[in-house]
N, C-alpha and C. Protein backbone atom coordinates (compact mmCIF):
# COMPACT_ATOMS: atom_id res chain seq x y z
N MET A 1 18.71 94.64 225.63
CA MET A 1 18.78 95.08 224.26
C MET A 1 19.92 94.39 223.50
N ILE A 2 21.06 94.20 224.19
CA ILE A 2 22.21 93.53 223.57
C ILE A 2 21.87 92.06 223.30
N ARG A 3 21.14 91.43 224.20
CA ARG A 3 20.74 90.03 224.02
C ARG A 3 19.84 89.87 222.79
N ILE A 4 18.96 90.82 222.57
CA ILE A 4 18.07 90.75 221.42
C ILE A 4 18.86 90.88 220.12
N ILE A 5 19.84 91.77 220.10
CA ILE A 5 20.67 91.97 218.91
C ILE A 5 21.50 90.71 218.63
N ILE A 6 22.12 90.16 219.68
CA ILE A 6 22.94 88.95 219.52
C ILE A 6 22.06 87.78 219.07
N PHE A 7 20.88 87.65 219.66
CA PHE A 7 19.95 86.59 219.27
C PHE A 7 19.51 86.74 217.82
N SER A 8 19.27 87.95 217.38
CA SER A 8 18.86 88.21 216.00
C SER A 8 19.97 87.85 215.02
N ILE A 9 21.19 88.24 215.34
CA ILE A 9 22.32 87.95 214.46
C ILE A 9 22.56 86.45 214.38
N LEU A 10 22.53 85.76 215.51
CA LEU A 10 22.72 84.31 215.52
C LEU A 10 21.61 83.60 214.75
N SER A 11 20.39 84.08 214.88
CA SER A 11 19.27 83.48 214.15
C SER A 11 19.46 83.62 212.65
N LEU A 12 19.90 84.79 212.20
CA LEU A 12 20.14 84.99 210.78
C LEU A 12 21.27 84.10 210.26
N LEU A 13 22.34 83.95 211.07
CA LEU A 13 23.45 83.10 210.67
C LEU A 13 23.02 81.63 210.58
N ILE A 14 22.26 81.19 211.53
CA ILE A 14 21.81 79.80 211.54
C ILE A 14 20.86 79.52 210.38
N LEU A 15 19.95 80.44 210.12
CA LEU A 15 18.99 80.24 209.05
C LEU A 15 19.62 80.31 207.66
N SER A 16 20.76 80.98 207.57
CA SER A 16 21.41 81.09 206.27
C SER A 16 22.32 79.90 205.97
N CYS A 17 22.48 79.01 206.92
CA CYS A 17 23.32 77.82 206.71
C CYS A 17 22.65 76.85 205.75
N ASN A 18 23.44 76.25 204.90
CA ASN A 18 22.92 75.23 203.99
C ASN A 18 22.68 73.90 204.70
N ALA A 19 23.28 73.71 205.86
CA ALA A 19 23.09 72.45 206.57
C ALA A 19 21.65 72.30 207.03
N ILE A 20 21.01 73.39 207.34
CA ILE A 20 19.61 73.33 207.77
C ILE A 20 18.71 73.11 206.57
N LYS A 21 19.08 73.67 205.43
CA LYS A 21 18.31 73.51 204.20
C LYS A 21 19.15 72.74 203.20
N PRO A 22 19.22 71.41 203.35
CA PRO A 22 20.08 70.66 202.43
C PRO A 22 19.53 70.67 201.01
N LYS A 23 20.44 70.62 200.07
CA LYS A 23 20.08 70.59 198.66
C LYS A 23 19.45 69.24 198.35
N LYS A 24 18.34 69.26 197.65
CA LYS A 24 17.66 68.03 197.29
C LYS A 24 18.43 67.36 196.15
N VAL A 25 18.55 66.04 196.27
CA VAL A 25 19.30 65.26 195.30
C VAL A 25 18.34 64.37 194.54
N ASP A 26 18.44 64.41 193.24
CA ASP A 26 17.63 63.54 192.39
C ASP A 26 18.47 62.32 192.06
N THR A 27 18.04 61.14 192.51
CA THR A 27 18.83 59.93 192.30
C THR A 27 18.87 59.51 190.84
N ARG A 28 18.00 60.05 190.02
CA ARG A 28 18.07 59.75 188.59
C ARG A 28 19.25 60.45 187.95
N GLU A 29 19.68 61.57 188.51
CA GLU A 29 20.80 62.33 187.95
C GLU A 29 22.11 62.05 188.67
N THR A 30 22.05 61.55 189.89
CA THR A 30 23.24 61.29 190.69
C THR A 30 23.50 59.80 190.74
N SER A 31 24.74 59.43 190.53
CA SER A 31 25.11 58.02 190.51
C SER A 31 25.03 57.42 191.92
N ILE A 32 24.72 56.14 191.97
CA ILE A 32 24.70 55.42 193.25
C ILE A 32 26.12 55.01 193.63
N ASN A 33 26.97 54.85 192.66
CA ASN A 33 28.35 54.42 192.88
C ASN A 33 29.13 55.52 193.60
N ALA A 34 29.72 55.17 194.74
CA ALA A 34 30.43 56.16 195.56
C ALA A 34 31.66 56.70 194.86
N GLN A 35 32.36 55.86 194.11
CA GLN A 35 33.58 56.32 193.42
C GLN A 35 33.23 57.34 192.33
N GLU A 36 32.15 57.10 191.62
CA GLU A 36 31.74 58.06 190.59
C GLU A 36 31.32 59.39 191.21
N ARG A 37 30.62 59.33 192.35
CA ARG A 37 30.23 60.58 193.03
C ARG A 37 31.46 61.33 193.51
N ALA A 38 32.45 60.59 194.03
CA ALA A 38 33.68 61.24 194.51
C ALA A 38 34.42 61.91 193.36
N LYS A 39 34.50 61.23 192.20
CA LYS A 39 35.16 61.83 191.04
C LYS A 39 34.44 63.09 190.59
N LYS A 40 33.10 63.03 190.60
CA LYS A 40 32.31 64.20 190.20
C LYS A 40 32.54 65.36 191.17
N ASN A 41 32.57 65.07 192.47
CA ASN A 41 32.80 66.11 193.47
C ASN A 41 34.18 66.74 193.30
N ILE A 42 35.18 65.93 193.01
CA ILE A 42 36.53 66.44 192.81
C ILE A 42 36.57 67.32 191.56
N LYS A 43 35.90 66.85 190.50
CA LYS A 43 35.88 67.62 189.24
C LYS A 43 35.21 68.97 189.44
N GLU A 44 34.17 69.01 190.29
CA GLU A 44 33.46 70.26 190.55
C GLU A 44 34.14 71.10 191.61
N GLY A 45 35.25 70.61 192.18
CA GLY A 45 35.98 71.38 193.17
C GLY A 45 35.39 71.31 194.56
N ARG A 46 34.60 70.30 194.84
CA ARG A 46 33.97 70.19 196.16
C ARG A 46 34.70 69.22 197.07
N GLY A 47 35.85 68.76 196.70
CA GLY A 47 36.57 67.83 197.54
C GLY A 47 37.86 67.42 196.88
N MET A 48 38.63 66.59 197.58
CA MET A 48 39.87 66.11 197.01
C MET A 48 40.13 64.71 197.51
N ALA A 49 40.88 63.96 196.76
CA ALA A 49 41.19 62.59 197.12
C ALA A 49 42.56 62.55 197.77
N LEU A 50 42.70 61.69 198.75
CA LEU A 50 43.97 61.55 199.44
C LEU A 50 45.04 61.02 198.50
N LYS A 51 44.64 60.18 197.54
CA LYS A 51 45.64 59.64 196.61
C LYS A 51 46.23 60.74 195.73
N ASP A 52 45.51 61.86 195.55
CA ASP A 52 46.06 62.97 194.78
C ASP A 52 47.23 63.62 195.53
N ILE A 53 47.17 63.58 196.84
CA ILE A 53 48.23 64.17 197.66
C ILE A 53 49.38 63.19 197.82
N VAL A 54 49.07 61.93 198.15
CA VAL A 54 50.07 60.93 198.47
C VAL A 54 50.80 60.44 197.23
N GLY A 55 50.11 60.31 196.13
CA GLY A 55 50.78 59.87 194.92
C GLY A 55 50.06 58.78 194.18
N GLY A 56 48.84 58.49 194.55
CA GLY A 56 48.04 57.56 193.78
C GLY A 56 48.36 56.09 193.97
N ARG A 57 49.06 55.74 195.03
CA ARG A 57 49.33 54.32 195.26
C ARG A 57 48.08 53.65 195.78
N GLY A 58 47.83 52.47 195.31
CA GLY A 58 46.67 51.70 195.77
C GLY A 58 46.99 50.98 197.06
N THR A 59 45.98 50.65 197.81
CA THR A 59 46.15 49.92 199.05
C THR A 59 46.00 48.44 198.78
N THR A 60 46.84 47.64 199.41
CA THR A 60 46.70 46.20 199.29
C THR A 60 46.20 45.68 200.62
N TYR A 61 45.21 44.84 200.55
CA TYR A 61 44.65 44.24 201.74
C TYR A 61 45.05 42.78 201.79
N GLU A 62 45.52 42.35 202.94
CA GLU A 62 45.90 40.96 203.09
C GLU A 62 45.03 40.36 204.17
N PHE A 63 44.39 39.26 203.84
CA PHE A 63 43.50 38.62 204.79
C PHE A 63 44.20 37.43 205.41
N SER A 64 43.65 36.95 206.50
CA SER A 64 44.30 35.88 207.25
C SER A 64 44.50 34.63 206.43
N THR A 65 43.62 34.34 205.49
CA THR A 65 43.77 33.12 204.69
C THR A 65 44.92 33.22 203.71
N SER A 66 45.35 34.42 203.38
CA SER A 66 46.45 34.58 202.44
C SER A 66 47.77 34.90 203.14
N ASN A 67 47.78 34.99 204.45
CA ASN A 67 48.99 35.29 205.20
C ASN A 67 49.59 33.98 205.72
N PRO A 68 50.73 33.55 205.14
CA PRO A 68 51.30 32.26 205.56
C PRO A 68 51.78 32.24 207.00
N MET A 69 52.26 33.36 207.53
CA MET A 69 52.72 33.39 208.93
C MET A 69 51.55 33.14 209.87
N TRP A 70 50.43 33.77 209.58
CA TRP A 70 49.24 33.63 210.42
C TRP A 70 48.72 32.19 210.37
N ARG A 71 48.60 31.66 209.16
CA ARG A 71 48.09 30.30 209.01
C ARG A 71 49.01 29.29 209.67
N ALA A 72 50.32 29.46 209.50
CA ALA A 72 51.28 28.54 210.10
C ALA A 72 51.21 28.59 211.63
N SER A 73 51.06 29.77 212.18
CA SER A 73 50.97 29.91 213.64
C SER A 73 49.74 29.20 214.18
N LEU A 74 48.61 29.37 213.51
CA LEU A 74 47.40 28.70 213.96
C LEU A 74 47.52 27.19 213.85
N GLU A 75 48.16 26.70 212.79
CA GLU A 75 48.32 25.26 212.62
C GLU A 75 49.27 24.68 213.66
N ILE A 76 50.34 25.38 213.96
CA ILE A 76 51.32 24.87 214.94
C ILE A 76 50.74 24.90 216.35
N LEU A 77 49.98 25.93 216.67
CA LEU A 77 49.43 26.09 218.03
C LEU A 77 48.04 25.50 218.20
N ASP A 78 47.57 24.71 217.26
CA ASP A 78 46.19 24.24 217.32
C ASP A 78 45.89 23.29 218.48
N PHE A 79 46.91 22.75 219.12
CA PHE A 79 46.67 21.86 220.26
C PHE A 79 46.41 22.63 221.56
N LEU A 80 46.65 23.94 221.54
CA LEU A 80 46.45 24.78 222.72
C LEU A 80 45.09 25.47 222.68
N PRO A 81 44.48 25.69 223.84
CA PRO A 81 43.24 26.49 223.85
C PRO A 81 43.59 27.97 223.68
N PHE A 82 42.89 28.66 222.79
CA PHE A 82 43.16 30.06 222.52
C PHE A 82 42.31 30.95 223.42
N SER A 83 42.95 32.00 223.91
CA SER A 83 42.24 33.01 224.69
C SER A 83 41.85 34.18 223.80
N THR A 84 42.81 34.65 222.98
CA THR A 84 42.58 35.76 222.06
C THR A 84 43.24 35.46 220.73
N VAL A 85 42.48 35.65 219.66
CA VAL A 85 43.00 35.51 218.30
C VAL A 85 42.53 36.74 217.55
N ASP A 86 43.46 37.66 217.25
CA ASP A 86 43.10 38.93 216.64
C ASP A 86 44.00 39.18 215.44
N TYR A 87 43.48 38.92 214.25
CA TYR A 87 44.28 39.11 213.03
C TYR A 87 44.60 40.59 212.80
N SER A 88 43.61 41.45 212.98
CA SER A 88 43.86 42.88 212.72
C SER A 88 44.86 43.46 213.71
N GLY A 89 44.89 42.95 214.91
CA GLY A 89 45.86 43.41 215.90
C GLY A 89 47.17 42.66 215.82
N GLY A 90 47.19 41.54 215.07
CA GLY A 90 48.41 40.77 214.89
C GLY A 90 48.83 40.04 216.15
N MET A 91 47.88 39.37 216.81
CA MET A 91 48.22 38.73 218.07
C MET A 91 47.44 37.44 218.27
N ILE A 92 48.12 36.45 218.81
CA ILE A 92 47.50 35.20 219.26
C ILE A 92 47.94 34.99 220.70
N ILE A 93 46.97 34.81 221.58
CA ILE A 93 47.27 34.54 222.99
C ILE A 93 46.56 33.24 223.36
N THR A 94 47.31 32.32 223.90
CA THR A 94 46.71 31.06 224.33
C THR A 94 46.24 31.20 225.77
N ASP A 95 45.41 30.26 226.17
CA ASP A 95 45.01 30.18 227.56
C ASP A 95 46.08 29.38 228.31
N TRP A 96 45.99 29.33 229.62
CA TRP A 96 46.95 28.55 230.40
C TRP A 96 46.78 27.09 230.03
N TYR A 97 47.91 26.39 229.81
CA TYR A 97 47.88 25.00 229.38
C TYR A 97 48.83 24.19 230.25
N SER A 98 48.35 23.07 230.73
CA SER A 98 49.21 22.13 231.45
C SER A 98 48.82 20.72 231.02
N GLU A 99 49.82 19.86 230.87
CA GLU A 99 49.53 18.50 230.42
C GLU A 99 49.11 17.63 231.59
N ASN A 100 50.06 17.12 232.33
CA ASN A 100 49.75 16.21 233.44
C ASN A 100 49.85 16.90 234.79
N ASN A 101 50.81 17.78 234.91
CA ASN A 101 51.06 18.45 236.18
C ASN A 101 50.14 19.67 236.29
N THR A 102 49.20 19.63 237.20
CA THR A 102 48.27 20.74 237.35
C THR A 102 48.88 21.92 238.10
N ASN A 103 50.08 21.76 238.66
CA ASN A 103 50.72 22.86 239.39
C ASN A 103 51.51 23.78 238.46
N ASP A 104 51.86 23.30 237.29
CA ASP A 104 52.62 24.11 236.33
C ASP A 104 51.79 24.28 235.06
N ALA A 105 51.83 25.48 234.50
CA ALA A 105 51.12 25.75 233.25
C ALA A 105 51.90 26.79 232.46
N ILE A 106 51.69 26.79 231.14
CA ILE A 106 52.32 27.79 230.30
C ILE A 106 51.26 28.54 229.50
N LYS A 107 51.62 29.76 229.13
CA LYS A 107 50.77 30.62 228.30
C LYS A 107 51.67 31.22 227.24
N ILE A 108 51.24 31.15 225.99
CA ILE A 108 52.07 31.60 224.88
C ILE A 108 51.40 32.78 224.18
N THR A 109 52.19 33.80 223.91
CA THR A 109 51.72 34.97 223.17
C THR A 109 52.56 35.11 221.91
N VAL A 110 51.89 35.19 220.76
CA VAL A 110 52.58 35.38 219.49
C VAL A 110 52.14 36.72 218.94
N ARG A 111 53.11 37.61 218.72
CA ARG A 111 52.83 38.91 218.09
C ARG A 111 53.47 38.93 216.72
N PHE A 112 52.71 39.40 215.74
CA PHE A 112 53.20 39.49 214.37
C PHE A 112 53.71 40.90 214.13
N LEU A 113 55.00 41.01 213.83
CA LEU A 113 55.62 42.30 213.60
C LEU A 113 55.67 42.65 212.12
N ALA A 114 55.58 41.64 211.26
CA ALA A 114 55.58 41.85 209.81
C ALA A 114 54.92 40.64 209.16
N ASN A 115 54.53 40.78 207.89
CA ASN A 115 53.90 39.68 207.17
C ASN A 115 54.90 38.80 206.43
N GLU A 116 56.15 39.24 206.34
CA GLU A 116 57.16 38.45 205.63
C GLU A 116 57.51 37.22 206.44
N VAL A 117 57.90 36.17 205.74
CA VAL A 117 58.31 34.93 206.39
C VAL A 117 59.77 35.07 206.78
N ARG A 118 60.00 35.62 207.97
CA ARG A 118 61.34 35.80 208.54
C ARG A 118 61.24 35.56 210.03
N SER A 119 62.35 35.24 210.64
CA SER A 119 62.33 34.95 212.08
C SER A 119 62.08 36.20 212.91
N ASP A 120 62.46 37.37 212.41
CA ASP A 120 62.22 38.59 213.17
C ASP A 120 60.82 39.16 212.94
N SER A 121 59.99 38.44 212.20
CA SER A 121 58.60 38.87 212.00
C SER A 121 57.70 38.45 213.15
N LEU A 122 58.21 37.61 214.03
CA LEU A 122 57.43 37.11 215.16
C LEU A 122 58.09 37.48 216.47
N LYS A 123 57.26 37.77 217.46
CA LYS A 123 57.74 37.91 218.82
C LYS A 123 56.93 36.92 219.66
N ILE A 124 57.61 35.93 220.18
CA ILE A 124 56.94 34.89 220.95
C ILE A 124 57.33 35.03 222.41
N SER A 125 56.31 35.14 223.26
CA SER A 125 56.54 35.22 224.71
C SER A 125 55.92 33.99 225.36
N VAL A 126 56.67 33.39 226.26
CA VAL A 126 56.18 32.22 226.99
C VAL A 126 56.18 32.57 228.46
N HIS A 127 55.01 32.43 229.09
CA HIS A 127 54.88 32.65 230.53
C HIS A 127 54.66 31.31 231.20
N LYS A 128 55.29 31.14 232.34
CA LYS A 128 55.13 29.90 233.10
C LYS A 128 54.51 30.23 234.45
N LYS A 129 53.48 29.48 234.80
CA LYS A 129 52.81 29.65 236.09
C LYS A 129 53.12 28.44 236.95
N GLU A 130 53.68 28.70 238.12
CA GLU A 130 53.98 27.65 239.08
C GLU A 130 53.15 27.87 240.33
N CYS A 131 52.37 26.88 240.69
CA CYS A 131 51.49 26.99 241.85
C CYS A 131 51.89 25.98 242.90
N LYS A 132 51.97 26.44 244.16
CA LYS A 132 52.24 25.54 245.28
C LYS A 132 50.93 25.10 245.91
N SER A 133 49.95 25.96 245.85
CA SER A 133 48.60 25.62 246.29
C SER A 133 47.64 26.37 245.37
N ASN A 134 46.35 26.27 245.63
CA ASN A 134 45.38 26.89 244.73
C ASN A 134 45.55 28.40 244.61
N MET A 135 45.90 29.06 245.68
CA MET A 135 45.98 30.53 245.66
C MET A 135 47.41 31.06 245.64
N ASN A 136 48.39 30.20 245.73
CA ASN A 136 49.78 30.62 245.80
C ASN A 136 50.49 30.30 244.48
N CYS A 137 50.38 31.21 243.53
CA CYS A 137 50.97 30.98 242.20
C CYS A 137 51.95 32.09 241.87
N ARG A 138 52.99 31.71 241.12
CA ARG A 138 53.98 32.65 240.63
C ARG A 138 54.03 32.55 239.12
N ILE A 139 54.00 33.70 238.46
CA ILE A 139 54.06 33.73 236.99
C ILE A 139 55.36 34.38 236.57
N ASN A 140 56.11 33.69 235.71
CA ASN A 140 57.40 34.19 235.23
C ASN A 140 57.42 34.22 233.71
N LEU A 141 58.05 35.24 233.15
CA LEU A 141 58.28 35.31 231.71
C LEU A 141 59.56 34.55 231.43
N LEU A 142 59.47 33.54 230.56
CA LEU A 142 60.65 32.76 230.21
C LEU A 142 61.33 33.42 229.01
N LYS A 143 62.43 34.10 229.26
CA LYS A 143 63.16 34.78 228.19
C LYS A 143 64.06 33.77 227.49
N ASN A 144 64.09 33.84 226.15
CA ASN A 144 64.90 32.93 225.33
C ASN A 144 64.67 31.47 225.71
N SER A 145 63.41 31.11 225.88
CA SER A 145 63.09 29.75 226.27
C SER A 145 63.20 28.80 225.09
N ALA A 146 63.43 27.54 225.39
CA ALA A 146 63.52 26.52 224.35
C ALA A 146 62.17 26.36 223.66
N ILE A 147 61.09 26.50 224.42
CA ILE A 147 59.75 26.38 223.84
C ILE A 147 59.52 27.49 222.82
N GLY A 148 59.86 28.71 223.18
CA GLY A 148 59.69 29.84 222.26
C GLY A 148 60.52 29.69 221.00
N ASN A 149 61.77 29.24 221.16
CA ASN A 149 62.64 29.06 220.00
C ASN A 149 62.15 27.94 219.09
N GLU A 150 61.67 26.83 219.70
CA GLU A 150 61.12 25.73 218.90
C GLU A 150 59.86 26.16 218.16
N LEU A 151 59.01 26.92 218.83
CA LEU A 151 57.80 27.41 218.19
C LEU A 151 58.13 28.32 217.02
N ARG A 152 59.07 29.23 217.22
CA ARG A 152 59.46 30.16 216.15
C ARG A 152 59.98 29.37 214.94
N THR A 153 60.85 28.40 215.20
CA THR A 153 61.41 27.59 214.11
C THR A 153 60.31 26.82 213.38
N SER A 154 59.40 26.22 214.13
CA SER A 154 58.32 25.45 213.52
C SER A 154 57.39 26.33 212.70
N ILE A 155 57.06 27.49 213.23
CA ILE A 155 56.15 28.41 212.53
C ILE A 155 56.81 28.92 211.24
N ILE A 156 58.07 29.31 211.31
CA ILE A 156 58.77 29.81 210.12
C ILE A 156 58.87 28.71 209.07
N ARG A 157 59.20 27.50 209.50
CA ARG A 157 59.31 26.38 208.55
C ARG A 157 57.96 26.12 207.88
N LYS A 158 56.89 26.07 208.67
CA LYS A 158 55.55 25.82 208.14
C LYS A 158 55.11 26.96 207.22
N ALA A 159 55.39 28.19 207.60
CA ALA A 159 55.02 29.36 206.78
C ALA A 159 55.75 29.33 205.44
N ALA A 160 57.02 28.93 205.45
CA ALA A 160 57.78 28.84 204.21
C ALA A 160 57.17 27.79 203.28
N ILE A 161 56.75 26.68 203.85
CA ILE A 161 56.11 25.63 203.05
C ILE A 161 54.79 26.14 202.49
N LEU A 162 53.98 26.80 203.32
CA LEU A 162 52.70 27.33 202.85
C LEU A 162 52.88 28.37 201.76
N GLU A 163 53.89 29.24 201.92
CA GLU A 163 54.14 30.28 200.92
C GLU A 163 54.61 29.66 199.60
N ARG A 164 55.49 28.67 199.71
CA ARG A 164 55.96 27.98 198.49
C ARG A 164 54.80 27.29 197.77
N ASP A 165 53.94 26.62 198.54
CA ASP A 165 52.79 25.94 197.94
C ASP A 165 51.83 26.92 197.27
N SER A 166 51.61 28.07 197.90
CA SER A 166 50.69 29.05 197.29
C SER A 166 51.29 29.65 196.02
N LYS A 167 52.60 29.85 195.98
CA LYS A 167 53.24 30.35 194.76
C LYS A 167 53.17 29.32 193.65
N ASN A 168 53.40 28.05 194.00
CA ASN A 168 53.30 27.00 192.99
C ASN A 168 51.87 26.85 192.48
N LYS A 169 50.91 27.04 193.36
CA LYS A 169 49.51 26.95 192.98
C LYS A 169 49.13 28.10 192.04
N ASN A 170 49.67 29.30 192.30
CA ASN A 170 49.39 30.45 191.45
C ASN A 170 50.03 30.33 190.08
N LYS A 171 51.17 29.64 190.00
CA LYS A 171 51.85 29.47 188.71
C LYS A 171 51.05 28.57 187.79
N LYS A 172 50.37 27.58 188.38
CA LYS A 172 49.60 26.63 187.57
C LYS A 172 48.37 27.25 187.11
């Protein structure tokens, strides 16, 4: 008897939900534009915008073609084979690279900490792999390596040039 009562109450609650019986929308009266619909919903009290809470600041999107640090890094490292290039994650990882000596190889990781053209906007890690035979390899992280410092300097210099050129181009 209790099961029948609980089942009846649950059935009434479910049937009274608007989710099961959605309101029909006439597209002639409702705008297709999402921003207009959102404004209408806010005006009618059916929702709120995050910018009303935060303060109405707009979001700026920066793409890889407009980021001088990113472009400079790709141009400087273009002689290396890339393993991972992820703009949204802010990371470039090269594959193992060796010139003449097949027993030694390096792998470079560039992490972008900021979009500004500054030396502390990049974190460059250089790993060195030394192999004595095919299966006997040792991988070491080279801290404060000359390669990492040269790469940082080259990337910052190139990024500064790219940023200056884009500003001059925008002025014209």
